[in-house]
Amino acid sequence: MFLPLILIFYFLLIRPQQQRAKKHKALIEGIKKGDTIVTSGGLVGKVTKPGDDEITVELADGVRVQIIKQMVIDVRGKNQPVAAND
């Protein structure tokens, strides 16, 4: 009785979360200079200096901030345009 319930719980909840975490880790490790990123706060910027735990991001001309890598939710390539909110 408990074994099928545990298997269903594993395949519906635990395994997908592990796969998402592994995919996010690979995404973060692949950040390089010139990539356009989106943070969890909704900021979009270009990476100017990648580091181990933090990265420097240019949000506008002359506006650079340091953010923690774990706060990045999306990485776009160098040539991908930022979508407009029209």
PDB file of N, CA and C in Angstrom:
ATOM      1  N   MET A   1       0.823  -1.196   0.000  1.00  0.00           N
ATOM      2  CA  MET A   1       0.000   0.000   0.000  1.00  0.00           C
ATOM      3  C   MET A   1       0.876   1.272   0.000  1.00  0.00           C
ATOM      4  N   PHE A   2       1.888   1.296   0.838  1.00  0.00           N
ATOM      5  CA  PHE A   2       2.712   2.490   0.943  1.00  0.00           C
ATOM      6  C   PHE A   2       3.720   2.623  -0.192  1.00  0.00           C
ATOM      7  N   LEU A   3       4.185   1.507  -0.717  1.00  0.00           N
ATOM      8  CA  LEU A   3       5.176   1.546  -1.789  1.00  0.00           C
ATOM      9  C   LEU A   3       4.647   2.244  -3.045  1.00  0.00           C
ATOM     10  N   PRO A   4       3.443   1.907  -3.540  1.00  0.00           N
ATOM     11  CA  PRO A   4       2.943   2.654  -4.716  1.00  0.00           C
ATOM     12  C   PRO A   4       2.758   4.142  -4.437  1.00  0.00           C
ATOM     13  N   LEU A   5       2.343   4.479  -3.236  1.00  0.00           N
ATOM     14  CA  LEU A   5       2.160   5.884  -2.874  1.00  0.00           C
ATOM     15  C   LEU A   5       3.503   6.617  -2.868  1.00  0.00           C
ATOM     16  N   ILE A   6       4.531   5.974  -2.351  1.00  0.00           N
ATOM     17  CA  ILE A   6       5.861   6.571  -2.328  1.00  0.00           C
ATOM     18  C   ILE A   6       6.402   6.726  -3.745  1.00  0.00           C
ATOM     19  N   LEU A   7       6.189   5.743  -4.596  1.00  0.00           N
ATOM     20  CA  LEU A   7       6.639   5.829  -5.991  1.00  0.00           C
ATOM     21  C   LEU A   7       5.943   6.957  -6.741  1.00  0.00           C
ATOM     22  N   ILE A   8       4.650   7.096  -6.553  1.00  0.00           N
ATOM     23  CA  ILE A   8       3.896   8.179  -7.199  1.00  0.00           C
ATOM     24  C   ILE A   8       4.403   9.530  -6.698  1.00  0.00           C
ATOM     25  N   PHE A   9       4.618   9.637  -5.404  1.00  0.00           N
ATOM     26  CA  PHE A   9       5.135  10.870  -4.818  1.00  0.00           C
ATOM     27  C   PHE A   9       6.501  11.214  -5.403  1.00  0.00           C
ATOM     28  N   TYR A  10       7.354  10.200  -5.550  1.00  0.00           N
ATOM     29  CA  TYR A  10       8.692  10.418  -6.095  1.00  0.00           C
ATOM     30  C   TYR A  10       8.628  10.902  -7.539  1.00  0.00           C
ATOM     31  N   PHE A  11       7.865  10.228  -8.386  1.00  0.00           N
ATOM     32  CA  PHE A  11       7.836  10.566  -9.810  1.00  0.00           C
ATOM     33  C   PHE A  11       7.060  11.842 -10.121  1.00  0.00           C
ATOM     34  N   LEU A  12       6.155  12.236  -9.268  1.00  0.00           N
ATOM     35  CA  LEU A  12       5.384  13.456  -9.530  1.00  0.00           C
ATOM     36  C   LEU A  12       5.962  14.703  -8.864  1.00  0.00           C
ATOM     37  N   LEU A  13       6.693  14.545  -7.764  1.00  0.00           N
ATOM     38  CA  LEU A  13       7.176  15.714  -7.047  1.00  0.00           C
ATOM     39  C   LEU A  13       8.695  15.808  -6.929  1.00  0.00           C
ATOM     40  N   ILE A  14       9.315  14.773  -6.453  1.00  0.00           N
ATOM     41  CA  ILE A  14      10.743  14.848  -6.148  1.00  0.00           C
ATOM     42  C   ILE A  14      11.592  14.852  -7.411  1.00  0.00           C
ATOM     43  N   ARG A  15      11.367  13.935  -8.310  1.00  0.00           N
ATOM     44  CA  ARG A  15      12.200  13.825  -9.510  1.00  0.00           C
ATOM     45  C   ARG A  15      12.133  15.068 -10.400  1.00  0.00           C
ATOM     46  N   PRO A  16      10.955  15.618 -10.692  1.00  0.00           N
ATOM     47  CA  PRO A  16      10.933  16.845 -11.505  1.00  0.00           C
ATOM     48  C   PRO A  16      11.664  18.014 -10.846  1.00  0.00           C
ATOM     49  N   GLN A  17      11.582  18.124  -9.521  1.00  0.00           N
ATOM     50  CA  GLN A  17      12.296  19.200  -8.830  1.00  0.00           C
ATOM     51  C   GLN A  17      13.802  19.019  -8.943  1.00  0.00           C
ATOM     52  N   GLN A  18      14.286  17.802  -8.851  1.00  0.00           N
ATOM     53  CA  GLN A  18      15.712  17.531  -8.998  1.00  0.00           C
ATOM     54  C   GLN A  18      16.182  17.870 -10.413  1.00  0.00           C
ATOM     55  N   GLN A  19      15.364  17.562 -11.405  1.00  0.00           N
ATOM     56  CA  GLN A  19      15.731  17.869 -12.790  1.00  0.00           C
ATOM     57  C   GLN A  19      15.773  19.369 -13.027  1.00  0.00           C
ATOM     58  N   ARG A  20      14.816  20.118 -12.461  1.00  0.00           N
ATOM     59  CA  ARG A  20      14.828  21.573 -12.598  1.00  0.00           C
ATOM     60  C   ARG A  20      16.057  22.172 -11.921  1.00  0.00           C
ATOM     61  N   ALA A  21      16.419  21.663 -10.760  1.00  0.00           N
ATOM     62  CA  ALA A  21      17.596  22.166 -10.048  1.00  0.00           C
ATOM     63  C   ALA A  21      18.867  21.881 -10.839  1.00  0.00           C
ATOM     64  N   LYS A  22      18.963  20.718 -11.439  1.00  0.00           N
ATOM     65  CA  LYS A  22      20.142  20.372 -12.230  1.00  0.00           C
ATOM     66  C   LYS A  22      20.234  21.250 -13.477  1.00  0.00           C
ATOM     67  N   LYS A  23      19.105  21.525 -14.113  1.00  0.00           N
ATOM     68  CA  LYS A  23      19.069  22.378 -15.301  1.00  0.00           C
ATOM     69  C   LYS A  23      19.457  23.819 -14.940  1.00  0.00           C
ATOM     70  N   HIS A  24      18.971  24.324 -13.799  1.00  0.00           N
ATOM     71  CA  HIS A  24      19.294  25.682 -13.353  1.00  0.00           C
ATOM     72  C   HIS A  24      20.777  25.804 -13.026  1.00  0.00           C
ATOM     73  N   LYS A  25      21.339  24.780 -12.398  1.00  0.00           N
ATOM     74  CA  LYS A  25      22.759  24.799 -12.066  1.00  0.00           C
ATOM     75  C   LYS A  25      23.609  24.850 -13.332  1.00  0.00           C
ATOM     76  N   ALA A  26      23.243  24.073 -14.341  1.00  0.00           N
ATOM     77  CA  ALA A  26      23.975  24.088 -15.614  1.00  0.00           C
ATOM     78  C   ALA A  26      23.840  25.446 -16.298  1.00  0.00           C
ATOM     79  N   LEU A  27      22.662  26.050 -16.203  1.00  0.00           N
ATOM     80  CA  LEU A  27      22.418  27.371 -16.789  1.00  0.00           C
ATOM     81  C   LEU A  27      23.315  28.414 -16.137  1.00  0.00           C
ATOM     82  N   ILE A  28      23.422  28.376 -14.819  1.00  0.00           N
ATOM     83  CA  ILE A  28      24.225  29.339 -14.082  1.00  0.00           C
ATOM     84  C   ILE A  28      25.714  29.143 -14.351  1.00  0.00           C
ATOM     85  N   GLU A  29      26.153  27.903 -14.430  1.00  0.00           N
ATOM     86  CA  GLU A  29      27.569  27.632 -14.679  1.00  0.00           C
ATOM     87  C   GLU A  29      27.991  28.046 -16.084  1.00  0.00           C
ATOM     88  N   GLY A  30      27.030  28.151 -17.000  1.00  0.00           N
ATOM     89  CA  GLY A  30      27.344  28.510 -18.372  1.00  0.00           C
ATOM     90  C   GLY A  30      27.337  30.003 -18.660  1.00  0.00           C
ATOM     91  N   ILE A  31      27.154  30.830 -17.640  1.00  0.00           N
ATOM     92  CA  ILE A  31      27.135  32.281 -17.837  1.00  0.00           C
ATOM     93  C   ILE A  31      28.526  32.763 -18.214  1.00  0.00           C
ATOM     94  N   LYS A  32      28.576  33.582 -19.274  1.00  0.00           N
ATOM     95  CA  LYS A  32      29.858  34.134 -19.710  1.00  0.00           C
ATOM     96  C   LYS A  32      29.673  35.610 -20.059  1.00  0.00           C
ATOM     97  N   LYS A  33      30.779  36.286 -20.242  1.00  0.00           N
ATOM     98  CA  LYS A  33      30.758  37.713 -20.532  1.00  0.00           C
ATOM     99  C   LYS A  33      30.000  37.966 -21.834  1.00  0.00           C
ATOM    100  N   GLY A  34      29.118  38.961 -21.811  1.00  0.00           N
ATOM    101  CA  GLY A  34      28.354  39.331 -22.991  1.00  0.00           C
ATOM    102  C   GLY A  34      26.959  38.727 -23.046  1.00  0.00           C
ATOM    103  N   ASP A  35      26.661  37.743 -22.184  1.00  0.00           N
ATOM    104  CA  ASP A  35      25.322  37.152 -22.165  1.00  0.00           C
ATOM    105  C   ASP A  35      24.316  38.135 -21.589  1.00  0.00           C
ATOM    106  N   THR A  36      23.110  38.087 -22.091  1.00  0.00           N
ATOM    107  CA  THR A  36      22.015  38.862 -21.537  1.00  0.00           C
ATOM    108  C   THR A  36      21.275  37.957 -20.561  1.00  0.00           C
ATOM    109  N   ILE A  37      21.060  38.447 -19.343  1.00  0.00           N
ATOM    110  CA  ILE A  37      20.416  37.640 -18.310  1.00  0.00           C
ATOM    111  C   ILE A  37      19.165  38.324 -17.787  1.00  0.00           C
ATOM    112  N   VAL A  38      18.309  37.526 -17.165  1.00  0.00           N
ATOM    113  CA  VAL A  38      17.116  38.020 -16.486  1.00  0.00           C
ATOM    114  C   VAL A  38      17.209  37.535 -15.048  1.00  0.00           C
ATOM    115  N   THR A  39      17.051  38.450 -14.089  1.00  0.00           N
ATOM    116  CA  THR A  39      17.123  38.080 -12.680  1.00  0.00           C
ATOM    117  C   THR A  39      15.732  37.753 -12.147  1.00  0.00           C
ATOM    118  N   SER A  40      15.696  37.192 -10.962  1.00  0.00           N
ATOM    119  CA  SER A  40      14.408  36.855 -10.355  1.00  0.00           C
ATOM    120  C   SER A  40      13.607  38.102 -10.007  1.00  0.00           C
ATOM    121  N   GLY A  41      14.273  39.239  -9.898  1.00  0.00           N
ATOM    122  CA  GLY A  41      13.587  40.503  -9.630  1.00  0.00           C
ATOM    123  C   GLY A  41      13.062  41.177 -10.888  1.00  0.00           C
ATOM    124  N   GLY A  42      13.365  40.579 -12.055  1.00  0.00           N
ATOM    125  CA  GLY A  42      12.865  41.118 -13.308  1.00  0.00           C
ATOM    126  C   GLY A  42      13.830  42.045 -14.019  1.00  0.00           C
ATOM    127  N   LEU A  43      15.032  42.193 -13.517  1.00  0.00           N
ATOM    128  CA  LEU A  43      16.017  43.049 -14.167  1.00  0.00           C
ATOM    129  C   LEU A  43      16.654  42.306 -15.339  1.00  0.00           C
ATOM    130  N   VAL A  44      16.838  43.029 -16.434  1.00  0.00           N
ATOM    131  CA  VAL A  44      17.473  42.468 -17.621  1.00  0.00           C
ATOM    132  C   VAL A  44      18.752  43.256 -17.862  1.00  0.00           C
ATOM    133  N   GLY A  45      19.857  42.541 -18.019  1.00  0.00           N
ATOM    134  CA  GLY A  45      21.125  43.222 -18.227  1.00  0.00           C
ATOM    135  C   GLY A  45      22.133  42.335 -18.923  1.00  0.00           C
ATOM    136  N   LYS A  46      23.274  42.926 -19.211  1.00  0.00           N
ATOM    137  CA  LYS A  46      24.352  42.230 -19.908  1.00  0.00           C
ATOM    138  C   LYS A  46      25.492  41.970 -18.932  1.00  0.00           C
ATOM    139  N   VAL A  47      25.993  40.746 -18.937  1.00  0.00           N
ATOM    140  CA  VAL A  47      27.080  40.358 -18.041  1.00  0.00           C
ATOM    141  C   VAL A  47      28.371  41.018 -18.513  1.00  0.00           C
ATOM    142  N   THR A  48      29.024  41.734 -17.597  1.00  0.00           N
ATOM    143  CA  THR A  48      30.297  42.367 -17.935  1.00  0.00           C
ATOM    144  C   THR A  48      31.469  41.664 -17.273  1.00  0.00           C
ATOM    145  N   LYS A  49      31.221  41.023 -16.123  1.00  0.00           N
ATOM    146  CA  LYS A  49      32.305  40.336 -15.425  1.00  0.00           C
ATOM    147  C   LYS A  49      31.727  39.142 -14.655  1.00  0.00           C
ATOM    148  N   PRO A  50      31.882  37.935 -15.195  1.00  0.00           N
ATOM    149  CA  PRO A  50      31.415  36.759 -14.454  1.00  0.00           C
ATOM    150  C   PRO A  50      32.393  36.392 -13.348  1.00  0.00           C
ATOM    151  N   GLY A  51      31.883  35.845 -12.281  1.00  0.00           N
ATOM    152  CA  GLY A  51      32.708  35.414 -11.161  1.00  0.00           C
ATOM    153  C   GLY A  51      32.239  34.061 -10.658  1.00  0.00           C
ATOM    154  N   ASP A  52      32.753  33.649  -9.514  1.00  0.00           N
ATOM    155  CA  ASP A  52      32.365  32.361  -8.957  1.00  0.00           C
ATOM    156  C   ASP A  52      30.973  32.398  -8.337  1.00  0.00           C
ATOM    157  N   ASP A  53      30.736  33.337  -7.430  1.00  0.00           N
ATOM    158  CA  ASP A  53      29.447  33.441  -6.755  1.00  0.00           C
ATOM    159  C   ASP A  53      28.644  34.659  -7.187  1.00  0.00           C
ATOM    160  N   GLU A  54      29.324  35.693  -7.650  1.00  0.00           N
ATOM    161  CA  GLU A  54      28.663  36.933  -8.058  1.00  0.00           C
ATOM    162  C   GLU A  54      29.057  37.280  -9.483  1.00  0.00           C
ATOM    163  N   ILE A  55      28.198  38.035 -10.146  1.00  0.00           N
ATOM    164  CA  ILE A  55      28.499  38.529 -11.488  1.00  0.00           C
ATOM    165  C   ILE A  55      28.194  40.018 -11.524  1.00  0.00           C
ATOM    166  N   THR A  56      28.910  40.739 -12.361  1.00  0.00           N
ATOM    167  CA  THR A  56      28.645  42.155 -12.565  1.00  0.00           C
ATOM    168  C   THR A  56      27.812  42.290 -13.828  1.00  0.00           C
ATOM    169  N   VAL A  57      26.709  43.005 -13.696  1.00  0.00           N
ATOM    170  CA  VAL A  57      25.746  43.145 -14.787  1.00  0.00           C
ATOM    171  C   VAL A  57      25.563  44.621 -15.107  1.00  0.00           C
ATOM    172  N   GLU A  58      25.579  44.957 -16.393  1.00  0.00           N
ATOM    173  CA  GLU A  58      25.318  46.323 -16.821  1.00  0.00           C
ATOM    174  C   GLU A  58      23.846  46.424 -17.198  1.00  0.00           C
ATOM    175  N   LEU A  59      23.107  47.215 -16.433  1.00  0.00           N
ATOM    176  CA  LEU A  59      21.670  47.370 -16.658  1.00  0.00           C
ATOM    177  C   LEU A  59      21.371  48.453 -17.688  1.00  0.00           C
ATOM    178  N   ALA A  60      22.153  49.517 -17.691  1.00  0.00           N
ATOM    179  CA  ALA A  60      22.035  50.621 -18.640  1.00  0.00           C
ATOM    180  C   ALA A  60      23.436  51.163 -18.856  1.00  0.00           C
ATOM    181  N   ASP A  61      23.568  52.146 -19.717  1.00  0.00           N
ATOM    182  CA  ASP A  61      24.888  52.718 -19.967  1.00  0.00           C
ATOM    183  C   ASP A  61      25.457  53.300 -18.675  1.00  0.00           C
ATOM    184  N   GLY A  62      26.552  52.733 -18.203  1.00  0.00           N
ATOM    185  CA  GLY A  62      27.212  53.227 -17.014  1.00  0.00           C
ATOM    186  C   GLY A  62      26.616  52.764 -15.698  1.00  0.00           C
ATOM    187  N   VAL A  63      25.572  51.955 -15.737  1.00  0.00           N
ATOM    188  CA  VAL A  63      24.938  51.458 -14.509  1.00  0.00           C
ATOM    189  C   VAL A  63      25.292  49.981 -14.369  1.00  0.00           C
ATOM    190  N   ARG A  64      26.193  49.692 -13.435  1.00  0.00           N
ATOM    191  CA  ARG A  64      26.629  48.319 -13.214  1.00  0.00           C
ATOM    192  C   ARG A  64      26.304  47.910 -11.785  1.00  0.00           C
ATOM    193  N   VAL A  65      25.809  46.713 -11.638  1.00  0.00           N
ATOM    194  CA  VAL A  65      25.481  46.171 -10.328  1.00  0.00           C
ATOM    195  C   VAL A  65      26.064  44.771 -10.207  1.00  0.00           C
ATOM    196  N   GLN A  66      26.298  44.355  -8.980  1.00  0.00           N
ATOM    197  CA  GLN A  66      26.729  42.996  -8.729  1.00  0.00           C
ATOM    198  C   GLN A  66      25.545  42.216  -8.194  1.00  0.00           C
ATOM    199  N   ILE A  67      25.332  41.029  -8.744  1.00  0.00           N
ATOM    200  CA  ILE A  67      24.247  40.182  -8.268  1.00  0.00           C
ATOM    201  C   ILE A  67      24.793  38.790  -7.981  1.00  0.00           C
ATOM    202  N   ILE A  68      24.071  38.071  -7.163  1.00  0.00           N
ATOM    203  CA  ILE A  68      24.428  36.690  -6.839  1.00  0.00           C
ATOM    204  C   ILE A  68      23.939  35.810  -7.982  1.00  0.00           C
ATOM    205  N   LYS A  69      24.769  34.869  -8.401  1.00  0.00           N
ATOM    206  CA  LYS A  69      24.450  34.026  -9.547  1.00  0.00           C
ATOM    207  C   LYS A  69      23.142  33.254  -9.368  1.00  0.00           C
ATOM    208  N   GLN A  70      22.816  32.872  -8.158  1.00  0.00           N
ATOM    209  CA  GLN A  70      21.612  32.079  -7.914  1.00  0.00           C
ATOM    210  C   GLN A  70      20.332  32.855  -8.210  1.00  0.00           C
ATOM    211  N   MET A  71      20.417  34.176  -8.319  1.00  0.00           N
ATOM    212  CA  MET A  71      19.243  34.994  -8.603  1.00  0.00           C
ATOM    213  C   MET A  71      18.931  35.090 -10.098  1.00  0.00           C
ATOM    214  N   VAL A  72      19.753  34.493 -10.941  1.00  0.00           N
ATOM    215  CA  VAL A  72      19.528  34.497 -12.385  1.00  0.00           C
ATOM    216  C   VAL A  72      18.526  33.401 -12.724  1.00  0.00           C
ATOM    217  N   ILE A  73      17.465  33.771 -13.461  1.00  0.00           N
ATOM    218  CA  ILE A  73      16.474  32.767 -13.832  1.00  0.00           C
ATOM    219  C   ILE A  73      16.507  32.434 -15.318  1.00  0.00           C
ATOM    220  N   ASP A  74      17.128  33.292 -16.130  1.00  0.00           N
ATOM    221  CA  ASP A  74      17.183  33.022 -17.563  1.00  0.00           C
ATOM    222  C   ASP A  74      18.456  33.626 -18.138  1.00  0.00           C
ATOM    223  N   VAL A  75      19.070  32.902 -19.049  1.00  0.00           N
ATOM    224  CA  VAL A  75      20.259  33.387 -19.744  1.00  0.00           C
ATOM    225  C   VAL A  75      19.948  33.380 -21.226  1.00  0.00           C
ATOM    226  N   ARG A  76      20.140  34.522 -21.845  1.00  0.00           N
ATOM    227  CA  ARG A  76      19.945  34.639 -23.286  1.00  0.00           C
ATOM    228  C   ARG A  76      21.307  34.779 -23.929  1.00  0.00           C
ATOM    229  N   GLY A  77      21.430  34.357 -25.169  1.00  0.00           N
ATOM    230  CA  GLY A  77      22.710  34.461 -25.861  1.00  0.00           C
ATOM    231  C   GLY A  77      23.069  35.899 -26.165  1.00  0.00           C
ATOM    232  N   LYS A  78      24.246  36.094 -26.723  1.00  0.00           N
ATOM    233  CA  LYS A  78      24.701  37.442 -27.051  1.00  0.00           C
ATOM    234  C   LYS A  78      23.832  38.091 -28.120  1.00  0.00           C
ATOM    235  N   ASN A  79      23.313  37.311 -29.035  1.00  0.00           N
ATOM    236  CA  ASN A  79      22.593  37.864 -30.184  1.00  0.00           C
ATOM    237  C   ASN A  79      21.082  37.842 -30.017  1.00  0.00           C
ATOM    238  N   GLN A  80      20.569  37.279 -28.925  1.00  0.00           N
ATOM    239  CA  GLN A  80      19.128  37.247 -28.737  1.00  0.00           C
ATOM    240  C   GLN A  80      18.635  38.604 -28.268  1.00  0.00           C
ATOM    241  N   PRO A  81      17.647  39.165 -28.940  1.00  0.00           N
ATOM    242  CA  PRO A  81      17.130  40.471 -28.515  1.00  0.00           C
ATOM    243  C   PRO A  81      16.255  40.354 -27.279  1.00  0.00           C
ATOM    244  N   VAL A  82      16.143  41.449 -26.570  1.00  0.00           N
ATOM    245  CA  VAL A  82      15.268  41.517 -25.412  1.00  0.00           C
ATOM    246  C   VAL A  82      13.865  41.813 -25.922  1.00  0.00           C
ATOM    247  N   ALA A  83      12.872  41.038 -25.476  1.00  0.00           N
ATOM    248  CA  ALA A  83      11.500  41.216 -25.936  1.00  0.00           C
ATOM    249  C   ALA A  83      10.953  42.534 -25.429  1.00  0.00           C
ATOM    250  N   ALA A  84      10.254  43.242 -26.280  1.00  0.00           N
ATOM    251  CA  ALA A  84       9.640  44.520 -25.902  1.00  0.00           C
ATOM    252  C   ALA A  84       8.280  44.269 -25.281  1.00  0.00           C
ATOM    253  N   ASN A  85       7.909  45.094 -24.349  1.00  0.00           N
ATOM    254  CA  ASN A  85       6.591  44.990 -23.690  1.00  0.00           C
ATOM    255  C   ASN A  85       5.646  46.037 -24.276  1.00  0.00           C
ATOM    256  N   ASP A  86       5.320  45.890 -25.544  1.00  0.00           N
ATOM    257  CA  ASP A  86       4.422  46.846 -26.195  1.00  0.00           C
ATOM    258  C   ASP A  86       2.996  46.476 -26.035  1.00  0.00           C
TER     259      ASP A  86
END
